[in-house]
C-alpha cells in the first residue's frame, strides 16, 4: 500500500520528526568520550537504523529536499567516525548536530 503525505496529520509528522531527532542525537551520546562508556551499542548499526528510519520517512513524505542534506551529514559523520585513530570528534559532533537541526526544516504541511 502506498501512503501519501496527506494521509498523516501534522501531529503525526511532528512526532516522527521528534523521534528522528532523538535517534540522531543518540549518535552523539554513543560516541562522546564522556558518555560512550554508558552505552553498549554498535555505532555502525545505530547509524544504519537512523538511515533506515530516514529513508522510510523520506518515502512517506514524497522525498522532501531537506532529507538529502540530513542524509549527507549523517553519511559524512559515519565516515568521520570510521577514520579510527584520525577520528575528529568535533567535526563528527558538528555534522550530527547539523543533521538533527535540519530535521526541523522538513515541512509538516
Protein backbone atom coordinates (compact mmCIF):
# COMPACT_ATOMS: atom_id res chain seq x y z
CA UNK A 1 0.00 0.00 0.00
CA UNK A 2 1.38 3.41 -0.95
CA UNK A 3 0.97 6.12 1.62
CA UNK A 4 0.75 9.73 0.68
CA UNK A 5 1.69 12.70 2.80
CA UNK A 6 -1.93 13.85 3.02
CA UNK A 7 -2.84 10.72 4.95
CA UNK A 8 -0.90 11.88 8.00
CA UNK A 9 -1.75 14.63 10.42
CA UNK A 10 0.66 17.42 11.28
CA UNK A 11 0.93 15.96 14.77
CA UNK A 12 1.97 12.59 13.40
CA UNK A 13 4.61 14.20 11.21
CA UNK A 14 5.84 16.30 14.15
CA UNK A 15 6.06 13.17 16.31
CA UNK A 16 8.14 11.25 13.79
CA UNK A 17 10.40 14.27 13.28
CA UNK A 18 10.94 14.39 17.03
CA UNK A 19 11.70 10.66 17.14
CA UNK A 20 14.12 11.03 14.24
CA UNK A 21 15.90 13.88 16.02
CA UNK A 22 16.22 11.78 19.18
CA UNK A 23 17.75 8.93 17.19
CA UNK A 24 20.18 11.32 15.50
CA UNK A 25 21.22 12.95 18.78
CA UNK A 26 21.66 9.49 20.33
CA UNK A 27 24.52 9.09 17.84
CA UNK A 28 26.30 11.78 19.84
CA UNK A 29 25.89 10.03 23.18
CA UNK A 30 27.24 6.70 21.97
CA UNK A 31 30.42 8.32 20.60
CA UNK A 32 31.01 11.20 23.04
CA UNK A 33 34.17 10.46 25.06
CA UNK A 34 32.35 11.46 28.25
CA UNK A 35 29.24 9.28 27.77
CA UNK A 36 30.11 6.40 25.43
CA UNK A 37 31.03 4.09 28.30
CA UNK A 38 27.38 4.18 29.39
CA UNK A 39 26.24 2.51 26.15
CA UNK A 40 26.98 -0.87 24.66
CA UNK A 41 25.87 -0.03 21.14
CA UNK A 42 27.35 -0.83 17.77
CA UNK A 43 27.75 2.63 16.27
CA UNK A 44 27.55 1.44 12.67
CA UNK A 45 24.31 -0.41 13.38
CA UNK A 46 22.90 2.66 15.13
CA UNK A 47 23.67 4.73 12.03
CA UNK A 48 22.01 2.10 9.82
CA UNK A 49 18.87 2.25 11.94
CA UNK A 50 18.72 6.05 11.72
CA UNK A 51 19.31 5.99 7.97
CA UNK A 52 16.58 3.35 7.50
CA UNK A 53 14.13 5.43 9.52
CA UNK A 54 15.07 8.47 7.48
CA UNK A 55 14.63 6.55 4.24
CA UNK A 56 11.14 5.43 5.25
CA UNK A 57 10.23 8.94 6.33
CA UNK A 58 11.57 10.24 3.03
CA UNK A 59 9.35 7.87 1.06
CA UNK A 60 6.24 8.67 3.08
CA UNK A 61 6.70 12.41 2.60
CA UNK A 62 7.39 12.15 -1.14
CA UNK A 63 11.11 12.91 -0.94
CA UNK A 64 11.43 16.32 0.71
CA UNK A 65 14.66 18.03 -0.32
CA UNK A 66 15.75 18.50 3.32
CA UNK A 67 16.25 14.75 3.66
CA UNK A 68 19.13 14.88 1.19
CA UNK A 69 21.05 17.28 3.43
CA UNK A 70 20.31 15.20 6.53
CA UNK A 71 21.47 12.02 4.79
CA UNK A 72 24.65 13.69 3.55
CA UNK A 73 25.53 14.96 7.02
CA UNK A 74 24.86 11.58 8.61
CA UNK A 75 26.93 9.79 5.97
CA UNK A 76 29.78 12.25 6.50
CA UNK A 77 29.57 11.74 10.27
CA UNK A 78 29.73 7.96 9.86
CA UNK A 79 32.68 8.35 7.52
CA UNK A 80 34.41 10.59 10.09
CA UNK A 81 33.73 8.06 12.86
CA UNK A 82 35.16 5.28 10.70
CA UNK A 83 38.55 7.00 10.44
CA UNK A 84 39.66 5.28 13.63
CA UNK A 85 42.69 6.98 15.15
CA UNK A 86 42.25 10.03 12.90
CA UNK A 87 38.64 10.48 14.08
CA UNK A 88 37.80 14.12 14.83
CA UNK A 89 35.01 14.21 17.42
CA UNK A 90 34.38 17.95 16.98
CA UNK A 91 33.78 17.52 13.26
CA UNK A 92 31.56 14.48 13.96
CA UNK A 93 29.59 16.42 16.56
CA UNK A 94 29.05 19.37 14.22
CA UNK A 95 27.73 17.05 11.48
CA UNK A 96 25.36 15.23 13.86
CA UNK A 97 24.04 18.48 15.33
CA UNK A 98 23.57 19.86 11.82
CA UNK A 99 21.62 16.79 10.74
CA UNK A 100 19.42 16.95 13.83
CA UNK A 101 18.75 20.64 13.32
CA UNK A 102 17.89 20.08 9.65
CA UNK A 103 15.07 17.71 10.68
CA UNK A 104 13.22 20.77 11.98
CA UNK A 105 13.12 22.24 8.47
CA UNK A 106 11.11 19.35 7.00
CA UNK A 107 7.71 20.76 6.17
CA UNK A 108 4.77 19.40 8.13
CA UNK A 109 2.09 20.83 5.87
